[in-house]
PDB file of N, CA and C in Angstrom:
ATOM      1  N   MET A   1      72.679 169.905  67.054  1.00  0.00           N
ATOM      2  CA  MET A   1      72.736 168.531  67.579  1.00  0.00           C
ATOM      3  C   MET A   1      71.500 168.587  68.458  1.00  0.00           C
ATOM      4  N   LYS A   2      70.479 168.251  68.222  1.00  0.00           N
ATOM      5  CA  LYS A   2      69.427 167.853  69.079  1.00  0.00           C
ATOM      6  C   LYS A   2      70.029 167.082  69.824  1.00  0.00           C
ATOM      7  N   ALA A   3      69.062 166.762  71.181  1.00  0.00           N
ATOM      8  CA  ALA A   3      69.581 165.407  71.737  1.00  0.00           C
ATOM      9  C   ALA A   3      68.571 164.707  71.983  1.00  0.00           C
ATOM     10  N   ARG A   4      69.290 162.986  72.211  1.00  0.00           N
ATOM     11  CA  ARG A   4      68.362 162.740  71.804  1.00  0.00           C
ATOM     12  C   ARG A   4      67.218 162.093  72.925  1.00  0.00           C
ATOM     13  N   ARG A   5      66.057 161.954  72.493  1.00  0.00           N
ATOM     14  CA  ARG A   5      64.999 161.396  73.759  1.00  0.00           C
ATOM     15  C   ARG A   5      65.786 160.051  74.514  1.00  0.00           C
ATOM     16  N   ASP A   6      64.918 160.180  75.427  1.00  0.00           N
ATOM     17  CA  ASP A   6      65.381 159.167  76.232  1.00  0.00           C
ATOM     18  C   ASP A   6      64.165 157.670  76.333  1.00  0.00           C
ATOM     19  N   VAL A   7      65.195 156.618  76.299  1.00  0.00           N
ATOM     20  CA  VAL A   7      63.986 155.518  76.338  1.00  0.00           C
ATOM     21  C   VAL A   7      62.915 155.206  77.195  1.00  0.00           C
ATOM     22  N   TYR A   8      63.260 155.588  78.099  1.00  0.00           N
ATOM     23  CA  TYR A   8      61.988 155.449  78.994  1.00  0.00           C
ATOM     24  C   TYR A   8      60.406 156.377  78.669  1.00  0.00           C
ATOM     25  N   GLN A   9      60.916 158.415  77.685  1.00  0.00           N
ATOM     26  CA  GLN A   9      59.923 158.333  76.835  1.00  0.00           C
ATOM     27  C   GLN A   9      59.171 157.622  76.244  1.00  0.00           C
ATOM     28  N   ALA A  10      59.949 156.505  75.728  1.00  0.00           N
ATOM     29  CA  ALA A  10      59.475 155.552  74.285  1.00  0.00           C
ATOM     30  C   ALA A  10      57.952 154.809  74.956  1.00  0.00           C
ATOM     31  N   ILE A  11      58.582 154.527  76.268  1.00  0.00           N
ATOM     32  CA  ILE A  11      58.012 153.763  76.777  1.00  0.00           C
ATOM     33  C   ILE A  11      56.626 153.847  78.024  1.00  0.00           C
ATOM     34  N   ALA A  12      57.266 154.953  77.714  1.00  0.00           N
ATOM     35  CA  ALA A  12      56.074 156.148  78.480  1.00  0.00           C
ATOM     36  C   ALA A  12      54.532 156.025  78.007  1.00  0.00           C
ATOM     37  N   ASP A  13      54.672 155.372  76.593  1.00  0.00           N
ATOM     38  CA  ASP A  13      53.415 155.462  75.764  1.00  0.00           C
ATOM     39  C   ASP A  13      52.708 154.180  75.639  1.00  0.00           C
ATOM     40  N   PRO A  14      51.730 154.175  75.999  1.00  0.00           N
ATOM     41  CA  PRO A  14      51.019 152.047  74.898  1.00  0.00           C
ATOM     42  C   PRO A  14      50.852 152.329  73.657  1.00  0.00           C
ATOM     43  N   THR A  15      50.786 153.387  73.420  1.00  0.00           N
ATOM     44  CA  THR A  15      50.782 152.883  71.679  1.00  0.00           C
ATOM     45  C   THR A  15      52.205 152.817  71.397  1.00  0.00           C
ATOM     46  N   ARG A  16      52.961 153.373  71.648  1.00  0.00           N
ATOM     47  CA  ARG A  16      54.202 153.461  71.359  1.00  0.00           C
ATOM     48  C   ARG A  16      54.695 152.231  71.877  1.00  0.00           C
ATOM     49  N   ARG A  17      54.444 151.257  73.263  1.00  0.00           N
ATOM     50  CA  ARG A  17      54.738 150.387  73.491  1.00  0.00           C
ATOM     51  C   ARG A  17      54.358 149.287  72.844  1.00  0.00           C
ATOM     52  N   ALA A  18      53.291 149.467  71.897  1.00  0.00           N
ATOM     53  CA  ALA A  18      52.176 148.431  70.944  1.00  0.00           C
ATOM     54  C   ALA A  18      52.939 148.399  69.569  1.00  0.00           C
ATOM     55  N   ILE A  19      53.755 149.716  69.627  1.00  0.00           N
ATOM     56  CA  ILE A  19      54.210 148.985  68.126  1.00  0.00           C
ATOM     57  C   ILE A  19      55.231 148.423  68.156  1.00  0.00           C
ATOM     58  N   ILE A  20      56.259 148.891  69.545  1.00  0.00           N
ATOM     59  CA  ILE A  20      57.577 148.076  69.975  1.00  0.00           C
ATOM     60  C   ILE A  20      57.299 146.617  69.798  1.00  0.00           C
ATOM     61  N   ASN A  21      55.868 146.370  70.483  1.00  0.00           N
ATOM     62  CA  ASN A  21      55.302 145.151  70.420  1.00  0.00           C
ATOM     63  C   ASN A  21      55.069 143.693  68.991  1.00  0.00           C
ATOM     64  N   MET A  22      55.024 144.787  67.541  1.00  0.00           N
ATOM     65  CA  MET A  22      54.241 144.870  66.824  1.00  0.00           C
ATOM     66  C   MET A  22      55.426 144.432  66.025  1.00  0.00           C
ATOM     67  N   ILE A  23      56.484 145.017  66.182  1.00  0.00           N
ATOM     68  CA  ILE A  23      57.706 144.874  65.088  1.00  0.00           C
ATOM     69  C   ILE A  23      59.373 144.068  65.654  1.00  0.00           C
ATOM     70  N   ALA A  24      58.473 143.869  67.261  1.00  0.00           N
ATOM     71  CA  ALA A  24      59.869 143.146  68.052  1.00  0.00           C
ATOM     72  C   ALA A  24      60.352 141.794  67.011  1.00  0.00           C
ATOM     73  N   THR A  25      59.395 141.222  66.424  1.00  0.00           N
ATOM     74  CA  THR A  25      59.912 139.931  66.049  1.00  0.00           C
ATOM     75  C   THR A  25      59.614 140.411  64.574  1.00  0.00           C
ATOM     76  N   GLU A  26      59.488 141.283  63.947  1.00  0.00           N
ATOM     77  CA  GLU A  26      59.070 140.865  61.917  1.00  0.00           C
ATOM     78  C   GLU A  26      59.085 142.717  61.954  1.00  0.00           C
ATOM     79  N   PRO A  27      60.148 142.993  61.080  1.00  0.00           N
ATOM     80  CA  PRO A  27      59.571 144.427  60.700  1.00  0.00           C
ATOM     81  C   PRO A  27      58.041 144.985  59.918  1.00  0.00           C
ATOM     82  N   HIS A  28      57.153 145.894  60.460  1.00  0.00           N
ATOM     83  CA  HIS A  28      56.329 146.377  59.710  1.00  0.00           C
ATOM     84  C   HIS A  28      56.365 147.199  58.884  1.00  0.00           C
ATOM     85  N   ASN A  29      55.871 147.707  57.377  1.00  0.00           N
ATOM     86  CA  ASN A  29      55.419 149.061  57.152  1.00  0.00           C
ATOM     87  C   ASN A  29      54.840 150.052  57.514  1.00  0.00           C
ATOM     88  N   VAL A  30      55.089 151.260  58.137  1.00  0.00           N
ATOM     89  CA  VAL A  30      54.523 152.535  58.488  1.00  0.00           C
ATOM     90  C   VAL A  30      52.965 152.095  58.292  1.00  0.00           C
ATOM     91  N   ASN A  31      52.447 151.804  56.739  1.00  0.00           N
ATOM     92  CA  ASN A  31      50.953 151.996  56.942  1.00  0.00           C
ATOM     93  C   ASN A  31      50.344 150.250  57.351  1.00  0.00           C
ATOM     94  N   ALA A  32      51.450 149.498  57.321  1.00  0.00           N
ATOM     95  CA  ALA A  32      50.756 148.392  58.217  1.00  0.00           C
ATOM     96  C   ALA A  32      50.715 148.346  59.983  1.00  0.00           C
ATOM     97  N   ILE A  33      51.394 149.363  60.264  1.00  0.00           N
ATOM     98  CA  ILE A  33      51.031 149.881  61.583  1.00  0.00           C
ATOM     99  C   ILE A  33      50.104 150.460  62.118  1.00  0.00           C
ATOM    100  N   ALA A  34      50.150 152.177  61.495  1.00  0.00           N
ATOM    101  CA  ALA A  34      49.220 152.609  61.324  1.00  0.00           C
ATOM    102  C   ALA A  34      47.426 151.677  61.302  1.00  0.00           C
ATOM    103  N   GLU A  35      47.382 150.803  60.535  1.00  0.00           N
ATOM    104  CA  GLU A  35      46.194 150.196  60.421  1.00  0.00           C
ATOM    105  C   GLU A  35      45.763 149.810  61.372  1.00  0.00           C
ATOM    106  N   LYS A  36      46.324 149.357  62.737  1.00  0.00           N
ATOM    107  CA  LYS A  36      45.752 148.536  63.739  1.00  0.00           C
ATOM    108  C   LYS A  36      45.850 149.371  64.918  1.00  0.00           C
ATOM    109  N   PHE A  37      45.972 150.452  64.570  1.00  0.00           N
ATOM    110  CA  PHE A  37      45.066 151.264  65.579  1.00  0.00           C
ATOM    111  C   PHE A  37      44.504 152.752  64.872  1.00  0.00           C
ATOM    112  N   GLU A  38      43.632 153.226  66.142  1.00  0.00           N
ATOM    113  CA  GLU A  38      42.551 153.949  65.574  1.00  0.00           C
ATOM    114  C   GLU A  38      42.176 155.244  65.959  1.00  0.00           C
ATOM    115  N   VAL A  39      43.791 155.487  65.254  1.00  0.00           N
ATOM    116  CA  VAL A  39      44.549 157.037  64.942  1.00  0.00           C
ATOM    117  C   VAL A  39      45.137 157.340  63.909  1.00  0.00           C
ATOM    118  N   SER A  40      45.555 158.468  63.118  1.00  0.00           N
ATOM    119  CA  SER A  40      45.981 159.137  62.128  1.00  0.00           C
ATOM    120  C   SER A  40      46.958 158.408  61.517  1.00  0.00           C
ATOM    121  N   ARG A  41      47.534 158.256  60.409  1.00  0.00           N
ATOM    122  CA  ARG A  41      48.325 157.504  60.283  1.00  0.00           C
ATOM    123  C   ARG A  41      49.882 158.832  60.866  1.00  0.00           C
ATOM    124  N   GLN A  42      49.500 160.083  60.617  1.00  0.00           N
ATOM    125  CA  GLN A  42      50.633 160.853  61.602  1.00  0.00           C
ATOM    126  C   GLN A  42      51.001 160.972  62.153  1.00  0.00           C
ATOM    127  N   ALA A  43      49.448 160.678  63.394  1.00  0.00           N
ATOM    128  CA  ALA A  43      49.874 160.055  65.324  1.00  0.00           C
ATOM    129  C   ALA A  43      51.014 159.212  64.590  1.00  0.00           C
ATOM    130  N   ILE A  44      50.626 157.901  63.864  1.00  0.00           N
ATOM    131  CA  ILE A  44      51.443 156.968  64.681  1.00  0.00           C
ATOM    132  C   ILE A  44      52.890 156.928  63.663  1.00  0.00           C
ATOM    133  N   SER A  45      52.726 157.807  62.644  1.00  0.00           N
ATOM    134  CA  SER A  45      54.266 158.629  62.540  1.00  0.00           C
ATOM    135  C   SER A  45      54.814 159.073  62.979  1.00  0.00           C
ATOM    136  N   LEU A  46      54.572 160.030  63.669  1.00  0.00           N
ATOM    137  CA  LEU A  46      54.759 160.918  65.073  1.00  0.00           C
ATOM    138  C   LEU A  46      55.078 160.170  66.060  1.00  0.00           C
ATOM    139  N   HIS A  47      54.394 159.236  66.733  1.00  0.00           N
ATOM    140  CA  HIS A  47      54.948 157.794  67.532  1.00  0.00           C
ATOM    141  C   HIS A  47      56.235 157.317  67.197  1.00  0.00           C
ATOM    142  N   VAL A  48      56.064 156.816  66.005  1.00  0.00           N
ATOM    143  CA  VAL A  48      57.738 156.132  65.582  1.00  0.00           C
ATOM    144  C   VAL A  48      58.526 157.414  65.530  1.00  0.00           C
ATOM    145  N   LYS A  49      58.460 158.416  65.057  1.00  0.00           N
ATOM    146  CA  LYS A  49      59.627 159.509  65.197  1.00  0.00           C
ATOM    147  C   LYS A  49      60.150 159.581  66.291  1.00  0.00           C
ATOM    148  N   ILE A  50      59.084 159.130  67.556  1.00  0.00           N
ATOM    149  CA  ILE A  50      59.565 159.906  68.811  1.00  0.00           C
ATOM    150  C   ILE A  50      60.812 157.914  69.260  1.00  0.00           C
ATOM    151  N   LEU A  51      60.201 156.642  68.726  1.00  0.00           N
ATOM    152  CA  LEU A  51      60.982 155.690  68.690  1.00  0.00           C
ATOM    153  C   LEU A  51      62.391 155.830  68.484  1.00  0.00           C
ATOM    154  N   ILE A  52      62.383 156.348  66.943  1.00  0.00           N
ATOM    155  CA  ILE A  52      63.532 156.464  66.534  1.00  0.00           C
ATOM    156  C   ILE A  52      64.597 157.318  66.944  1.00  0.00           C
ATOM    157  N   ASP A  53      64.198 158.486  67.700  1.00  0.00           N
ATOM    158  CA  ASP A  53      64.822 159.301  68.408  1.00  0.00           C
ATOM    159  C   ASP A  53      65.993 158.492  69.448  1.00  0.00           C
ATOM    160  N   CYS A  54      64.573 157.600  69.630  1.00  0.00           N
ATOM    161  CA  CYS A  54      65.062 156.948  71.083  1.00  0.00           C
ATOM    162  C   CYS A  54      65.944 155.875  71.159  1.00  0.00           C
ATOM    163  N   GLY A  55      65.949 155.495  69.809  1.00  0.00           N
ATOM    164  CA  GLY A  55      66.712 154.020  69.566  1.00  0.00           C
ATOM    165  C   GLY A  55      66.631 152.723  69.497  1.00  0.00           C
ATOM    166  N   LEU A  56      65.350 153.040  69.767  1.00  0.00           N
ATOM    167  CA  LEU A  56      64.258 151.805  69.704  1.00  0.00           C
ATOM    168  C   LEU A  56      63.659 151.453  68.361  1.00  0.00           C
ATOM    169  N   VAL A  57      63.799 152.446  67.171  1.00  0.00           N
ATOM    170  CA  VAL A  57      63.604 151.810  65.877  1.00  0.00           C
ATOM    171  C   VAL A  57      64.347 152.300  64.956  1.00  0.00           C
ATOM    172  N   THR A  58      64.588 151.597  63.944  1.00  0.00           N
ATOM    173  CA  THR A  58      65.376 152.307  62.105  1.00  0.00           C
ATOM    174  C   THR A  58      64.342 151.725  61.421  1.00  0.00           C
ATOM    175  N   ILE A  59      64.525 152.856  60.224  1.00  0.00           N
ATOM    176  CA  ILE A  59      64.085 152.493  59.074  1.00  0.00           C
ATOM    177  C   ILE A  59      64.389 152.089  58.468  1.00  0.00           C
ATOM    178  N   ARG A  60      63.594 151.098  56.871  1.00  0.00           N
ATOM    179  CA  ARG A  60      64.324 150.564  56.453  1.00  0.00           C
ATOM    180  C   ARG A  60      64.083 151.091  55.060  1.00  0.00           C
ATOM    181  N   GLN A  61      64.626 151.141  53.926  1.00  0.00           N
ATOM    182  CA  GLN A  61      63.663 151.613  52.835  1.00  0.00           C
ATOM    183  C   GLN A  61      63.579 150.541  51.738  1.00  0.00           C
ATOM    184  N   GLN A  62      62.242 149.891  51.334  1.00  0.00           N
ATOM    185  CA  GLN A  62      62.446 149.057  50.486  1.00  0.00           C
ATOM    186  C   GLN A  62      61.463 149.303  49.193  1.00  0.00           C
ATOM    187  N   GLY A  63      62.074 149.740  48.608  1.00  0.00           N
ATOM    188  CA  GLY A  63      61.132 150.327  47.395  1.00  0.00           C
ATOM    189  C   GLY A  63      60.165 151.634  47.915  1.00  0.00           C
ATOM    190  N   ARG A  64      59.296 151.895  48.110  1.00  0.00           N
ATOM    191  CA  ARG A  64      58.042 152.813  48.379  1.00  0.00           C
ATOM    192  C   ARG A  64      58.060 152.432  49.572  1.00  0.00           C
ATOM    193  N   ASP A  65      57.849 151.500  49.931  1.00  0.00           N
ATOM    194  CA  ASP A  65      58.346 151.466  51.862  1.00  0.00           C
ATOM    195  C   ASP A  65      59.175 151.170  52.191  1.00  0.00           C
ATOM    196  N   ARG A  66      58.542 152.312  53.397  1.00  0.00           N
ATOM    197  CA  ARG A  66      59.562 152.490  54.607  1.00  0.00           C
ATOM    198  C   ARG A  66      59.303 151.095  56.014  1.00  0.00           C
ATOM    199  N   PHE A  67      60.134 150.521  56.008  1.00  0.00           N
ATOM    200  CA  PHE A  67      59.588 149.505  57.179  1.00  0.00           C
ATOM    201  C   PHE A  67      60.332 149.888  58.591  1.00  0.00           C
ATOM    202  N   CYS A  68      59.659 149.521  59.278  1.00  0.00           N
ATOM    203  CA  CYS A  68      59.982 149.693  60.672  1.00  0.00           C
ATOM    204  C   CYS A  68      60.638 148.533  61.065  1.00  0.00           C
ATOM    205  N   GLU A  69      62.111 148.785  62.071  1.00  0.00           N
ATOM    206  CA  GLU A  69      62.539 147.422  62.452  1.00  0.00           C
ATOM    207  C   GLU A  69      63.180 148.071  64.143  1.00  0.00           C
ATOM    208  N   ALA A  70      62.697 146.838  65.002  1.00  0.00           N
ATOM    209  CA  ALA A  70      62.876 146.880  66.844  1.00  0.00           C
ATOM    210  C   ALA A  70      64.322 147.037  66.339  1.00  0.00           C
ATOM    211  N   GLN A  71      64.773 147.865  67.506  1.00  0.00           N
ATOM    212  CA  GLN A  71      66.381 147.522  67.909  1.00  0.00           C
ATOM    213  C   GLN A  71      66.103 147.817  69.337  1.00  0.00           C
ATOM    214  N   LEU A  72      66.029 146.667  70.114  1.00  0.00           N
ATOM    215  CA  LEU A  72      65.914 146.872  71.448  1.00  0.00           C
ATOM    216  C   LEU A  72      66.954 146.261  72.373  1.00  0.00           C
ATOM    217  N   ASP A  73      68.192 146.754  71.878  1.00  0.00           N
ATOM    218  CA  ASP A  73      69.260 146.600  72.906  1.00  0.00           C
ATOM    219  C   ASP A  73      69.368 147.328  73.903  1.00  0.00           C
ATOM    220  N   GLN A  74      68.240 148.491  73.891  1.00  0.00           N
ATOM    221  CA  GLN A  74      68.097 149.965  74.886  1.00  0.00           C
ATOM    222  C   GLN A  74      67.533 149.681  76.081  1.00  0.00           C
ATOM    223  N   LEU A  75      66.343 148.448  75.646  1.00  0.00           N
ATOM    224  CA  LEU A  75      65.623 147.756  76.532  1.00  0.00           C
ATOM    225  C   LEU A  75      66.410 147.075  78.112  1.00  0.00           C
ATOM    226  N   GLY A  76      67.321 146.892  77.466  1.00  0.00           N
ATOM    227  CA  GLY A  76      68.500 146.316  78.569  1.00  0.00           C
ATOM    228  C   GLY A  76      68.495 147.544  80.125  1.00  0.00           C
ATOM    229  N   GLU A  77      68.703 148.795  79.182  1.00  0.00           N
ATOM    230  CA  GLU A  77      69.025 149.536  80.818  1.00  0.00           C
ATOM    231  C   GLU A  77      67.351 149.393  81.547  1.00  0.00           C
ATOM    232  N   VAL A  78      66.348 149.184  80.646  1.00  0.00           N
ATOM    233  CA  VAL A  78      65.386 149.499  81.768  1.00  0.00           C
ATOM    234  C   VAL A  78      65.158 148.374  82.435  1.00  0.00           C
ATOM    235  N   ALA A  79      65.207 147.110  81.771  1.00  0.00           N
ATOM    236  CA  ALA A  79      65.112 146.084  82.480  1.00  0.00           C
ATOM    237  C   ALA A  79      66.135 145.879  83.724  1.00  0.00           C
ATOM    238  N   GLN A  80      67.474 146.612  84.076  1.00  0.00           N
ATOM    239  CA  GLN A  80      68.303 146.325  85.073  1.00  0.00           C
ATOM    240  C   GLN A  80      67.958 147.808  85.756  1.00  0.00           C
ATOM    241  N   TRP A  81      67.494 148.971  85.633  1.00  0.00           N
ATOM    242  CA  TRP A  81      66.636 149.857  86.588  1.00  0.00           C
ATOM    243  C   TRP A  81      65.706 149.140  87.269  1.00  0.00           C
ATOM    244  N   VAL A  82      64.614 148.372  86.577  1.00  0.00           N
ATOM    245  CA  VAL A  82      63.508 147.849  87.043  1.00  0.00           C
ATOM    246  C   VAL A  82      63.784 146.190  87.554  1.00  0.00           C
ATOM    247  N   GLU A  83      64.732 145.670  87.277  1.00  0.00           N
ATOM    248  CA  GLU A  83      65.149 144.903  87.833  1.00  0.00           C
ATOM    249  C   GLU A  83      65.932 144.683  89.499  1.00  0.00           C
ATOM    250  N   GLN A  84      66.816 146.162  89.833  1.00  0.00           N
ATOM    251  CA  GLN A  84      66.650 146.847  91.360  1.00  0.00           C
ATOM    252  C   GLN A  84      65.257 146.632  92.111  1.00  0.00           C
ATOM    253  N   TYR A  85      64.009 147.239  91.922  1.00  0.00           N
ATOM    254  CA  TYR A  85      63.843 147.662  92.173  1.00  0.00           C
ATOM    255  C   TYR A  85      62.548 146.149  92.721  1.00  0.00           C
ATOM    256  N   ARG A  86      62.539 145.885  91.802  1.00  0.00           N
ATOM    257  CA  ARG A  86      62.087 144.192  91.781  1.00  0.00           C
ATOM    258  C   ARG A  86      62.976 143.839  92.729  1.00  0.00           C
ATOM    259  N   ARG A  87      64.018 143.695  93.208  1.00  0.00           N
ATOM    260  CA  ARG A  87      64.302 142.709  94.068  1.00  0.00           C
ATOM    261  C   ARG A  87      64.722 144.029  95.676  1.00  0.00           C
ATOM    262  N   HIS A  88      64.723 145.300  95.369  1.00  0.00           N
ATOM    263  CA  HIS A  88      64.064 145.809  96.850  1.00  0.00           C
ATOM    264  C   HIS A  88      62.958 145.095  97.287  1.00  0.00           C
ATOM    265  N   TRP A  89      61.498 145.166  96.429  1.00  0.00           N
ATOM    266  CA  TRP A  89      60.221 144.333  97.018  1.00  0.00           C
ATOM    267  C   TRP A  89      60.301 143.169  97.403  1.00  0.00           C
ATOM    268  N   GLU A  90      61.327 142.004  96.741  1.00  0.00           N
ATOM    269  CA  GLU A  90      61.240 140.914  97.418  1.00  0.00           C
ATOM    270  C   GLU A  90      61.993 140.803  98.464  1.00  0.00           C
ATOM    271  N   SER A  91      62.723 142.089  99.117  1.00  0.00           N
ATOM    272  CA  SER A  91      63.466 141.620 100.119  1.00  0.00           C
ATOM    273  C   SER A  91      62.358 142.473 100.997  1.00  0.00           C
ATOM    274  N   LYS A  92      61.737 142.947 101.014  1.00  0.00           N
ATOM    275  CA  LYS A  92      61.044 143.396 101.822  1.00  0.00           C
ATOM    276  C   LYS A  92      59.819 142.642 101.768  1.00  0.00           C
ATOM    277  N   LEU A  93      59.209 142.123 101.025  1.00  0.00           N
ATOM    278  CA  LEU A  93      58.279 141.056 101.358  1.00  0.00           C
ATOM    279  C   LEU A  93      58.540 139.270 101.812  1.00  0.00           C
ATOM    280  N   ASP A  94      59.964 139.625 101.709  1.00  0.00           N
ATOM    281  CA  ASP A  94      60.275 138.565 102.091  1.00  0.00           C
ATOM    282  C   ASP A  94      60.936 138.277 103.913  1.00  0.00           C
ATOM    283  N   ALA A  95      60.660 139.612 104.656  1.00  0.00           N
ATOM    284  CA  ALA A  95      61.120 140.070 105.805  1.00  0.00           C
ATOM    285  C   ALA A  95      59.767 140.218 106.731  1.00  0.00           C
ATOM    286  N   MET A  96      58.552 140.652 105.393  1.00  0.00           N
ATOM    287  CA  MET A  96      57.283 140.510 106.376  1.00  0.00           C
ATOM    288  C   MET A  96      56.851 139.233 106.472  1.00  0.00           C
ATOM    289  N   GLU A  97      57.195 138.346 104.918  1.00  0.00           N
ATOM    290  CA  GLU A  97      56.284 136.749 105.543  1.00  0.00           C
ATOM    291  C   GLU A  97      57.426 136.256 106.617  1.00  0.00           C
ATOM    292  N   THR A  98      58.753 136.651 107.127  1.00  0.00           N
ATOM    293  CA  THR A  98      59.155 136.189 107.897  1.00  0.00           C
ATOM    294  C   THR A  98      58.455 136.777 109.420  1.00  0.00           C
ATOM    295  N   TYR A  99      58.178 137.584 109.459  1.00  0.00           N
ATOM    296  CA  TYR A  99      57.382 138.482 110.509  1.00  0.00           C
ATOM    297  C   TYR A  99      55.762 137.900 111.102  1.00  0.00           C
ATOM    298  N   ILE A 100      55.816 137.658 109.887  1.00  0.00           N
ATOM    299  CA  ILE A 100      53.754 137.303 109.844  1.00  0.00           C
ATOM    300  C   ILE A 100      54.590 135.795 110.409  1.00  0.00           C
ATOM    301  N   GLU A 101      55.704 134.988 109.956  1.00  0.00           N
ATOM    302  CA  GLU A 101      55.585 133.567 110.588  1.00  0.00           C
ATOM    303  C   GLU A 101      56.116 133.704 112.251  1.00  0.00           C
ATOM    304  N   LYS A 102      57.017 134.549 112.462  1.00  0.00           N
ATOM    305  CA  LYS A 102      57.191 134.609 113.805  1.00  0.00           C
ATOM    306  C   LYS A 102      55.874 135.253 114.761  1.00  0.00           C
ATOM    307  N   LEU A 103      54.848 135.831 114.140  1.00  0.00           N
ATOM    308  CA  LEU A 103      53.901 136.461 115.244  1.00  0.00           C
ATOM    309  C   LEU A 103      52.677 134.925 115.223  1.00  0.00           C
ATOM    310  N   LYS A 104      52.534 134.695 113.786  1.00  0.00           N
ATOM    311  CA  LYS A 104      51.997 133.026 114.168  1.00  0.00           C
ATOM    312  C   LYS A 104      52.694 132.081 115.090  1.00  0.00           C
ATOM    313  N   LYS A 105      54.364 131.941 115.057  1.00  0.00           N
ATOM    314  CA  LYS A 105      54.559 130.743 116.096  1.00  0.00           C
ATOM    315  C   LYS A 105      54.607 131.559 117.704  1.00  0.00           C
ATOM    316  N   GLU A 106      54.273 132.760 117.315  1.00  0.00           N
ATOM    317  CA  GLU A 106      53.863 133.762 119.244  1.00  0.00           C
ATOM    318  C   GLU A 106      52.630 133.499 119.504  1.00  0.00           C
ATOM    319  N   ARG A 107      52.030 133.189 118.635  1.00  0.00           N
ATOM    320  CA  ARG A 107      50.208 133.388 119.051  1.00  0.00           C
ATOM    321  C   ARG A 107      50.181 131.431 119.419  1.00  0.00           C
ATOM    322  N   HIS A 108      50.917 130.663 118.335  1.00  0.00           N
ATOM    323  CA  HIS A 108      50.231 129.348 118.674  1.00  0.00           C
ATOM    324  C   HIS A 108      51.272 129.012 120.162  1.00  0.00           C
ATOM    325  N   GLY A 109      52.084 129.541 120.166  1.00  0.00           N
ATOM    326  CA  GLY A 109      53.047 129.643 121.803  1.00  0.00           C
ATOM    327  C   GLY A 109      52.276 129.656 123.063  1.00  0.00           C
ATOM    328  N   LYS A 110      51.903 131.100 122.546  1.00  0.00           N
ATOM    329  CA  LYS A 110      50.375 131.558 123.895  1.00  0.00           C
ATOM    330  C   LYS A 110      49.158 130.643 123.633  1.00  0.00           C
ATOM    331  N   ARG A 111      48.654 130.011 122.740  1.00  0.00           N
ATOM    332  CA  ARG A 111      47.745 129.121 122.730  1.00  0.00           C
ATOM    333  C   ARG A 111      48.192 127.801 123.536  1.00  0.00           C
ATOM    334  N   LYS A 112      49.030 127.166 123.668  1.00  0.00           N
ATOM    335  CA  LYS A 112      49.492 126.050 124.534  1.00  0.00           C
ATOM    336  C   LYS A 112      49.683 126.007 126.066  1.00  0.00           C
ATOM    337  N   LYS A 113      49.922 127.347 126.337  1.00  0.00           N
ATOM    338  CA  LYS A 113      49.855 127.772 127.891  1.00  0.00           C
ATOM    339  C   LYS A 113      48.876 128.181 128.740  1.00  0.00           C
TER     340      LYS A 113
END
């Protein structure tokens, strides 16, 4: 059995991010997706396949059309990963702000003397 692709691979590509955005609120058929991009339908099909392999998209057959539906639960993993770094940088910025305020007070104190 082939190993599933990583969700980070899916969001690494701007075209795949755009496809996810497009189908996040409403399923689209592959042709409708392909019409929105200036690449071949074959290239879009490859992007969709990668999104399927990552578990971010499923295909629902309806008559002769294949509809791409977003499965966004796995993006929660990405959000958690990003959140840890957001907190890290916020603490760094808070520390820098505190240091700047300390310098301002020291400078202000020297001017009074």
